[in-house]
Amino acid sequence: MDLNTFLATATELLALPSTADRPDQLRRAVDWVVDFVGPGFTVERFESAGKPSALLYADAHGGAARPASFRAILNAHLDVVSAEAEQFRARIEGDRIYARGAQDMKVTGLVQAQVFREVAPRLPYPLALQLVADEEVGGRDGTLHQLEQGVTGEFVVIGEHSRLDIVADSKGLLHARLRASGRGAHGAYPWLGDNAVLKLVNTVTRLLATYPPVAEEAWRTTVNLSRIDTPNRAYNQVPADAQAWLDIRFPAEDDRLNGRTMAEVAEFLVSFTEPGVSVQVDHFDPPQHVDHDNRDVAELRRAAQRQGYPSDFLRKHGAGDGGFYSGRGIAAVAFGVGGAGQHGPDEYAEISTITPYYRALKDFLERLRGADEPGRHL
């Protein structure tokens, strides 16, 4: 890899304001990377709810027909969160390239695309490059949509930043609304009413008894009461209606949530409610978890360690596209370059991690055995 050439190319990709509110730029970013990979590959296009995505694989593996399953998938999201215009003009200062999306995750995604175009045609197994453009808004119209269309694989490397460490665990996400119905009354005579807000407070209090608030980082389920509201606008009125929003993050170890259906999760939340309180689950995504002793994970770690990085295991409290794979029993990890400032005004990627990441990813894919080869994983 010529690092100077790579950085110049990355600057072009980072200049694209591929945010959720600009579907033309989302499509442009996907097309840009497809063009960067170049000819000689099958390109499958997908779209869901106006969000584009693409799947690339070598023509040599069955012509235009998609393999039944890919031995490995490189997953890159090309959407970014909104930023001021100057953040889409990349600048280099010392060991850092600053720009929106530099850390999260266009630089890593571009490395994945370069490795893919170099190794995919000559590997003894089918490798895919999965380009999505909706991870920042939930991933349901990119990675999940492709999975629902039959795309599958055995091992997935998601290019989220990790400084060549391995993210084998990320929390699942549950968004739910509680609605309470009571009876209005004059505030001076509360016994004549039935306070809907108090019903919500009592319900949330029961839930927090099971999942207590945390004062420091802890790898367990957390409940954030993000909103509580009532149409009542008077001091002297007992509220007859109220609503609360819950943002719940849970690890794979929480079997009360992990592996459950939305209906089962709703039923679980109902068990905490006061009479007159109903539950609506708006969003439910599984956590990401892969066995730390998985042989593909071990091989990826060794590849990073050969570049001088410890490749420790990390846990992320936020949700990501890896959960869609884990929910289907597919091993997926996040593995990317270093950096900091995610979603902030000073987001950057560490330039010194780019070449080691490129070498480690390429080394891993070249050592990975095909599904039918003897000695696989050795």
Protein backbone atom coordinates (compact mmCIF):
# COMPACT_ATOMS: atom_id res chain seq x y z
CA MET A 1 0.00 0.00 0.00
CA ASP A 2 1.24 3.47 -0.91
CA LEU A 3 0.07 5.46 2.09
CA ASN A 4 0.22 8.88 0.42
CA THR A 5 -1.89 7.67 -2.49
CA PHE A 6 -4.33 6.05 -0.08
CA LEU A 7 -4.72 9.24 1.97
CA ALA A 8 -5.36 11.29 -1.15
CA THR A 9 -8.04 8.82 -2.18
CA ALA A 10 -9.54 8.76 1.32
CA THR A 11 -9.82 12.54 1.21
CA GLU A 12 -12.15 12.22 -1.79
CA LEU A 13 -14.41 9.75 0.01
CA LEU A 14 -14.43 11.83 3.19
CA ALA A 15 -15.58 14.84 1.16
CA LEU A 16 -18.93 13.19 0.44
CA PRO A 17 -21.59 14.39 2.93
CA SER A 18 -23.30 11.00 3.03
CA THR A 19 -25.81 11.69 5.78
CA ALA A 20 -29.24 10.13 6.23
CA ASP A 21 -31.02 13.28 5.08
CA ARG A 22 -29.13 13.29 1.76
CA PRO A 23 -30.05 10.08 -0.09
CA ASP A 24 -28.29 11.27 -3.24
CA GLN A 25 -25.03 11.42 -1.31
CA LEU A 26 -25.61 8.00 0.24
CA ARG A 27 -25.94 6.57 -3.26
CA ARG A 28 -22.94 8.55 -4.43
CA ALA A 29 -20.78 7.14 -1.61
CA VAL A 30 -21.78 3.55 -2.42
CA ASP A 31 -21.13 4.12 -6.13
CA TRP A 32 -17.79 5.78 -5.35
CA VAL A 33 -16.49 2.73 -3.49
CA VAL A 34 -17.86 0.35 -6.13
CA ASP A 35 -15.92 2.34 -8.73
CA PHE A 36 -12.83 2.29 -6.51
CA VAL A 37 -12.93 -1.51 -6.39
CA GLY A 38 -13.11 -1.56 -10.17
CA PRO A 39 -14.12 -4.15 -12.79
CA GLY A 40 -14.00 -7.92 -12.57
CA PHE A 41 -16.50 -8.30 -9.76
CA THR A 42 -20.20 -9.03 -9.55
CA VAL A 43 -22.05 -6.08 -8.00
CA GLU A 44 -25.48 -6.71 -6.51
CA ARG A 45 -27.50 -3.59 -5.76
CA PHE A 46 -30.10 -3.37 -2.99
CA GLU A 47 -32.43 -0.66 -1.78
CA SER A 48 -34.79 -0.46 1.17
CA ALA A 49 -36.71 2.60 2.34
CA GLY A 50 -34.63 4.70 -0.02
CA LYS A 51 -31.33 3.49 1.45
CA PRO A 52 -28.90 1.97 -1.08
CA SER A 53 -26.45 -0.84 -0.43
CA ALA A 54 -24.28 -3.14 -2.51
CA LEU A 55 -22.66 -6.55 -2.32
CA LEU A 56 -19.49 -7.28 -4.31
CA TYR A 57 -17.84 -10.61 -4.95
CA ALA A 58 -15.42 -12.09 -7.46
CA ASP A 59 -16.82 -13.23 -10.82
CA ALA A 60 -14.68 -16.34 -10.59
CA HIS A 61 -16.97 -17.86 -7.96
CA GLY A 62 -19.91 -19.02 -10.04
CA GLY A 63 -20.12 -16.11 -12.47
CA ALA A 64 -22.99 -13.76 -11.70
CA ALA A 65 -24.64 -16.25 -9.31
CA ARG A 66 -24.25 -15.36 -5.64
CA PRO A 67 -22.57 -18.09 -3.58
CA ALA A 68 -24.93 -19.85 -1.21
CA SER A 69 -22.74 -18.65 1.64
CA PHE A 70 -19.60 -16.54 1.83
CA ARG A 71 -16.65 -17.82 3.78
CA ALA A 72 -16.02 -14.23 4.90
CA ILE A 73 -17.75 -10.87 4.53
CA LEU A 74 -16.14 -7.46 4.92
CA ASN A 75 -18.84 -5.04 6.06
CA ALA A 76 -18.41 -1.28 5.69
CA HIS A 77 -20.94 1.46 6.34
CA LEU A 78 -20.50 4.63 4.31
CA ASP A 79 -23.07 6.85 5.99
CA VAL A 80 -22.01 9.40 8.56
CA VAL A 81 -23.77 11.66 11.05
CA SER A 82 -24.35 15.31 10.21
CA ALA A 83 -21.54 17.81 10.56
CA GLU A 84 -20.56 21.34 9.60
CA ALA A 85 -19.34 21.76 6.03
CA GLU A 86 -15.69 22.17 7.06
CA GLN A 87 -15.66 18.67 8.53
CA PHE A 88 -16.10 17.26 5.04
CA ARG A 89 -12.78 18.85 4.02
CA ALA A 90 -10.19 16.43 5.38
CA ARG A 91 -7.01 17.79 6.88
CA ILE A 92 -3.87 16.01 8.05
CA GLU A 93 -2.07 17.09 11.19
CA GLY A 94 0.77 14.88 12.36
CA ASP A 95 -0.50 11.31 12.73
CA ARG A 96 -4.15 12.28 12.33
CA ILE A 97 -6.50 12.72 9.41
CA TYR A 98 -9.42 14.81 10.58
CA ALA A 99 -12.85 14.64 8.94
CA ARG A 100 -16.40 13.51 9.57
CA GLY A 101 -16.34 9.75 9.04
CA ALA A 102 -12.56 9.41 9.37
CA GLN A 103 -12.86 7.23 12.47
CA ASP A 104 -16.44 6.09 11.89
CA MET A 105 -15.72 4.49 9.42
CA LYS A 106 -14.81 5.57 5.93
CA VAL A 107 -11.05 5.17 6.32
CA THR A 108 -11.41 1.58 7.52
CA GLY A 109 -14.04 0.91 4.86
CA LEU A 110 -11.70 2.13 2.15
CA VAL A 111 -8.95 -0.17 3.42
CA GLN A 112 -11.42 -3.06 3.32
CA ALA A 113 -12.28 -2.18 -0.28
CA GLN A 114 -8.61 -2.08 -1.27
CA VAL A 115 -7.84 -5.40 0.40
CA PHE A 116 -10.94 -6.93 -1.19
CA ARG A 117 -9.99 -5.91 -4.74
CA GLU A 118 -6.47 -7.24 -4.25
CA VAL A 119 -7.23 -10.64 -2.75
CA ALA A 120 -10.80 -11.65 -3.63
CA PRO A 121 -10.07 -12.94 -7.17
CA ARG A 122 -7.37 -15.34 -6.01
CA LEU A 123 -8.75 -16.68 -2.75
CA PRO A 124 -9.84 -20.36 -2.61
CA TYR A 125 -13.16 -19.35 -1.04
CA PRO A 126 -15.88 -16.75 -1.74
CA LEU A 127 -15.29 -13.37 -0.12
CA ALA A 128 -17.82 -10.51 -0.16
CA LEU A 129 -17.55 -6.76 0.34
CA GLN A 130 -20.78 -5.44 1.83
CA LEU A 131 -21.33 -1.70 1.45
CA VAL A 132 -24.22 -0.21 3.42
CA ALA A 133 -25.41 3.33 4.00
CA ASP A 134 -27.71 3.31 7.02
CA GLU A 135 -25.75 2.03 10.01
CA GLU A 136 -25.96 5.38 11.78
CA VAL A 137 -29.78 5.18 11.70
CA GLY A 138 -30.14 1.55 12.74
CA GLY A 139 -28.84 -0.65 9.92
CA ARG A 140 -32.21 -2.19 9.11
CA ASP A 141 -32.23 -1.07 5.49
CA GLY A 142 -28.64 -2.10 4.78
CA THR A 143 -27.11 -5.06 6.56
CA LEU A 144 -30.41 -6.44 7.87
CA HIS A 145 -32.11 -5.97 4.50
CA GLN A 146 -29.36 -7.91 2.72
CA LEU A 147 -29.60 -10.71 5.27
CA GLU A 148 -33.33 -10.86 4.67
CA GLN A 149 -32.59 -11.14 0.95
CA GLY A 150 -30.54 -14.27 1.55
CA VAL A 151 -27.03 -12.89 1.91
CA THR A 152 -25.18 -14.97 4.47
CA GLY A 153 -21.70 -15.97 5.48
CA GLU A 154 -19.56 -17.78 7.97
CA PHE A 155 -17.43 -14.98 9.43
CA VAL A 156 -17.89 -11.22 9.22
CA VAL A 157 -15.38 -8.43 9.79
CA ILE A 158 -17.20 -5.15 10.41
CA GLY A 159 -14.87 -2.22 9.86
CA GLU A 160 -15.76 -0.19 12.92
CA HIS A 161 -12.82 1.51 14.62
CA SER A 162 -10.96 -0.61 17.16
CA ARG A 163 -7.25 0.21 16.74
CA LEU A 164 -6.74 -3.41 15.65
CA ASP A 165 -8.37 -4.75 18.81
CA ILE A 166 -11.33 -7.14 18.45
CA VAL A 167 -14.86 -6.11 19.36
CA ALA A 168 -16.54 -9.44 20.04
CA ASP A 169 -19.38 -8.04 22.16
CA SER A 170 -21.79 -5.16 21.62
CA LYS A 171 -25.07 -4.57 23.40
CA GLY A 172 -28.49 -5.07 21.93
CA LEU A 173 -30.98 -2.23 21.67
CA LEU A 174 -34.56 -2.02 22.88
CA HIS A 175 -36.74 1.07 22.47
CA ALA A 176 -40.17 0.95 24.08
CA ARG A 177 -42.99 3.34 24.89
CA LEU A 178 -45.14 3.14 27.98
CA ARG A 179 -48.60 4.69 27.76
CA ALA A 180 -50.67 5.30 30.88
CA SER A 181 -54.35 6.07 31.07
CA GLY A 182 -55.93 7.46 34.21
CA ARG A 183 -58.70 9.87 35.17
CA GLY A 184 -58.48 13.63 35.29
CA ALA A 185 -59.49 15.68 38.31
CA HIS A 186 -58.83 18.98 40.05
CA GLY A 187 -55.39 19.02 41.65
CA ALA A 188 -56.87 20.02 44.99
CA TYR A 189 -58.90 16.79 45.03
CA PRO A 190 -56.46 14.14 43.77
CA TRP A 191 -58.49 11.32 45.31
CA LEU A 192 -61.13 12.00 42.67
CA GLY A 193 -58.66 11.29 39.86
CA ASP A 194 -56.25 8.57 38.80
CA ASN A 195 -52.81 10.08 38.06
CA ALA A 196 -51.35 8.68 34.84
CA VAL A 197 -47.88 10.10 35.54
CA LEU A 198 -47.70 8.30 38.88
CA LYS A 199 -48.57 5.06 37.10
CA LEU A 200 -45.58 5.55 34.85
CA VAL A 201 -43.32 6.46 37.76
CA ASN A 202 -44.33 3.33 39.66
CA THR A 203 -43.83 1.18 36.54
CA VAL A 204 -40.35 2.57 35.86
CA THR A 205 -39.44 2.24 39.54
CA ARG A 206 -40.25 -1.49 39.38
CA LEU A 207 -38.18 -1.87 36.22
CA LEU A 208 -35.22 -0.05 37.80
CA ALA A 209 -35.39 -2.37 40.79
CA THR A 210 -34.48 -5.18 38.37
CA TYR A 211 -32.04 -3.05 36.38
CA PRO A 212 -30.64 -0.48 38.85
CA PRO A 213 -29.10 2.73 37.51
CA VAL A 214 -25.33 2.60 37.03
CA ALA A 215 -22.89 5.19 38.31
CA GLU A 216 -19.90 3.81 36.42
CA GLU A 217 -19.21 1.58 33.44
CA ALA A 218 -20.73 -1.87 33.88
CA TRP A 219 -21.31 -4.71 31.45
CA ARG A 220 -24.96 -5.29 32.22
CA THR A 221 -28.37 -4.16 31.07
CA THR A 222 -29.05 -0.45 31.48
CA VAL A 223 -32.35 1.42 31.35
CA ASN A 224 -32.47 5.05 30.30
CA LEU A 225 -35.74 6.88 30.95
CA SER A 226 -35.32 9.27 28.04
CA ARG A 227 -38.67 11.03 28.12
CA ILE A 228 -41.81 11.33 30.18
CA ASP A 229 -44.63 13.50 28.93
CA THR A 230 -48.29 14.34 29.44
CA PRO A 231 -50.70 16.56 27.52
CA ASN A 232 -51.56 18.17 30.86
CA ARG A 233 -50.49 21.84 30.95
CA ALA A 234 -51.97 22.95 34.26
CA TYR A 235 -50.59 22.78 37.79
CA ASN A 236 -53.99 22.13 39.28
CA GLN A 237 -55.01 19.19 37.13
CA VAL A 238 -54.49 15.47 37.71
CA PRO A 239 -53.08 14.12 34.40
CA ALA A 240 -55.33 11.58 32.72
CA ASP A 241 -52.75 10.49 30.11
CA ALA A 242 -48.97 10.14 30.03
CA GLN A 243 -46.23 8.53 28.01
CA ALA A 244 -42.65 7.47 28.73
CA TRP A 245 -39.79 6.43 26.43
CA LEU A 246 -37.30 3.75 27.42
CA ASP A 247 -33.88 3.17 25.87
CA ILE A 248 -32.63 -0.23 27.08
CA ARG A 249 -29.20 -1.65 26.20
CA PHE A 250 -28.53 -5.29 27.00
CA PRO A 251 -25.64 -7.73 26.62
CA ALA A 252 -25.96 -11.27 25.32
CA GLU A 253 -25.80 -12.54 28.89
CA ASP A 254 -29.26 -11.14 29.68
CA ASP A 255 -31.43 -14.08 28.65
CA ARG A 256 -34.59 -12.22 29.70
CA LEU A 257 -34.08 -10.12 26.55
CA ASN A 258 -31.54 -11.82 24.33
CA GLY A 259 -33.00 -14.44 22.03
CA ARG A 260 -36.57 -13.30 22.65
CA THR A 261 -39.18 -12.17 20.16
CA MET A 262 -40.62 -8.66 20.25
CA ALA A 263 -43.85 -10.10 21.64
CA GLU A 264 -41.96 -11.87 24.43
CA VAL A 265 -40.04 -8.70 25.26
CA ALA A 266 -43.28 -6.70 25.40
CA GLU A 267 -44.77 -9.31 27.72
CA PHE A 268 -41.68 -9.08 29.95
CA LEU A 269 -42.03 -5.30 30.20
CA VAL A 270 -45.75 -5.61 30.90
CA SER A 271 -44.86 -7.58 34.03
CA PHE A 272 -43.57 -4.33 35.57
CA THR A 273 -46.57 -2.18 34.71
CA GLU A 274 -49.27 -0.66 36.86
CA PRO A 275 -52.89 -1.26 35.81
CA GLY A 276 -53.73 1.09 32.97
CA VAL A 277 -50.20 1.09 31.51
CA SER A 278 -49.59 -0.45 28.08
CA VAL A 279 -46.30 -1.28 26.35
CA GLN A 280 -45.28 -0.74 22.74
CA VAL A 281 -41.90 -2.04 21.56
CA ASP A 282 -40.71 0.22 18.74
CA HIS A 283 -37.23 -1.17 18.11
CA PHE A 284 -35.53 -4.38 19.14
CA ASP A 285 -32.10 -5.42 17.87
CA PRO A 286 -30.07 -8.36 19.20
CA PRO A 287 -26.65 -7.96 20.81
CA GLN A 288 -23.44 -8.95 19.07
CA HIS A 289 -21.49 -11.79 20.63
CA VAL A 290 -18.93 -14.23 19.28
CA ASP A 291 -17.08 -16.86 21.26
CA HIS A 292 -13.66 -15.47 22.17
CA ASP A 293 -12.21 -18.91 21.38
CA ASN A 294 -13.65 -18.94 17.87
CA ARG A 295 -10.88 -20.09 15.54
CA ASP A 296 -11.46 -17.37 12.98
CA VAL A 297 -11.29 -14.79 15.74
CA ALA A 298 -8.03 -16.33 16.95
CA GLU A 299 -6.59 -16.17 13.43
CA LEU A 300 -7.60 -12.52 13.07
CA ARG A 301 -5.98 -11.70 16.41
CA ARG A 302 -2.76 -13.42 15.36
CA ALA A 303 -2.73 -11.41 12.15
CA ALA A 304 -2.98 -8.17 14.14
CA GLN A 305 -0.37 -9.35 16.62
CA ARG A 306 2.04 -9.99 13.75
CA GLN A 307 1.76 -6.26 13.07
CA GLY A 308 2.78 -5.47 16.64
CA TYR A 309 -0.66 -4.88 18.13
CA PRO A 310 -1.96 -6.79 21.19
CA SER A 311 -5.41 -7.25 19.61
CA ASP A 312 -7.23 -7.34 22.93
CA PHE A 313 -10.95 -7.95 23.25
CA LEU A 314 -13.20 -4.91 23.54
CA ARG A 315 -16.83 -4.48 24.52
CA LYS A 316 -19.01 -1.72 23.13
CA HIS A 317 -22.12 -0.48 24.91
CA GLY A 318 -23.63 0.90 21.72
CA ALA A 319 -25.50 -1.27 19.23
CA GLY A 320 -24.18 -2.04 15.75
CA ASP A 321 -24.79 -4.10 12.65
CA GLY A 322 -22.94 -7.06 14.18
CA GLY A 323 -26.05 -7.90 16.18
CA PHE A 324 -27.96 -8.73 12.99
CA TYR A 325 -25.38 -11.41 12.25
CA SER A 326 -25.18 -12.73 15.80
CA GLY A 327 -28.95 -12.98 15.86
CA ARG A 328 -28.65 -15.47 13.01
CA GLY A 329 -25.81 -17.45 14.54
CA ILE A 330 -23.14 -15.90 12.29
CA ALA A 331 -19.84 -14.96 13.91
CA ALA A 332 -19.13 -11.24 13.50
CA VAL A 333 -16.52 -8.94 15.01
CA ALA A 334 -15.65 -5.28 14.64
CA PHE A 335 -12.04 -4.66 13.60
CA GLY A 336 -10.70 -1.38 12.28
CA VAL A 337 -8.13 1.38 12.41
CA GLY A 338 -7.53 3.64 15.37
CA GLY A 339 -8.91 7.11 16.02
CA ALA A 340 -11.13 9.16 18.26
CA GLY A 341 -13.75 11.90 18.32
CA GLN A 342 -16.56 9.78 16.87
CA HIS A 343 -19.55 11.99 15.91
CA GLY A 344 -17.76 15.05 17.28
CA PRO A 345 -16.17 18.17 15.77
CA ASP A 346 -12.63 16.76 16.00
CA GLU A 347 -13.14 13.23 14.67
CA TYR A 348 -9.95 11.69 13.31
CA ALA A 349 -8.31 8.44 12.26
CA GLU A 350 -4.76 7.51 13.29
CA ILE A 351 -2.69 7.40 10.12
CA SER A 352 -0.08 5.13 11.71
CA THR A 353 -2.68 2.36 12.13
CA ILE A 354 -3.76 2.31 8.47
CA THR A 355 -0.90 0.28 6.97
CA PRO A 356 -0.81 -2.25 9.86
CA TYR A 357 -4.56 -2.68 9.52
CA TYR A 358 -4.23 -3.23 5.77
CA ARG A 359 -1.48 -5.81 6.29
CA ALA A 360 -3.30 -7.61 9.11
CA LEU A 361 -6.59 -7.86 7.21
CA LYS A 362 -4.85 -9.07 4.06
CA ASP A 363 -2.77 -11.57 6.04
CA PHE A 364 -5.88 -12.90 7.78
CA LEU A 365 -7.81 -13.43 4.56
CA GLU A 366 -4.89 -15.11 2.84
CA ARG A 367 -4.39 -17.53 5.72
CA LEU A 368 -8.09 -18.26 6.19
CA ARG A 369 -9.04 -21.71 4.94
CA GLY A 370 -11.92 -22.38 2.61
CA ALA A 371 -15.01 -24.13 3.90
CA ASP A 372 -14.07 -27.50 2.37
CA GLU A 373 -10.31 -27.43 2.72
CA PRO A 374 -8.49 -29.83 5.05
CA GLY A 375 -6.58 -28.19 7.83
CA ARG A 376 -8.95 -25.28 8.02
CA HIS A 377 -8.39 -22.87 10.93
CA LEU A 378 -4.92 -24.24 11.57
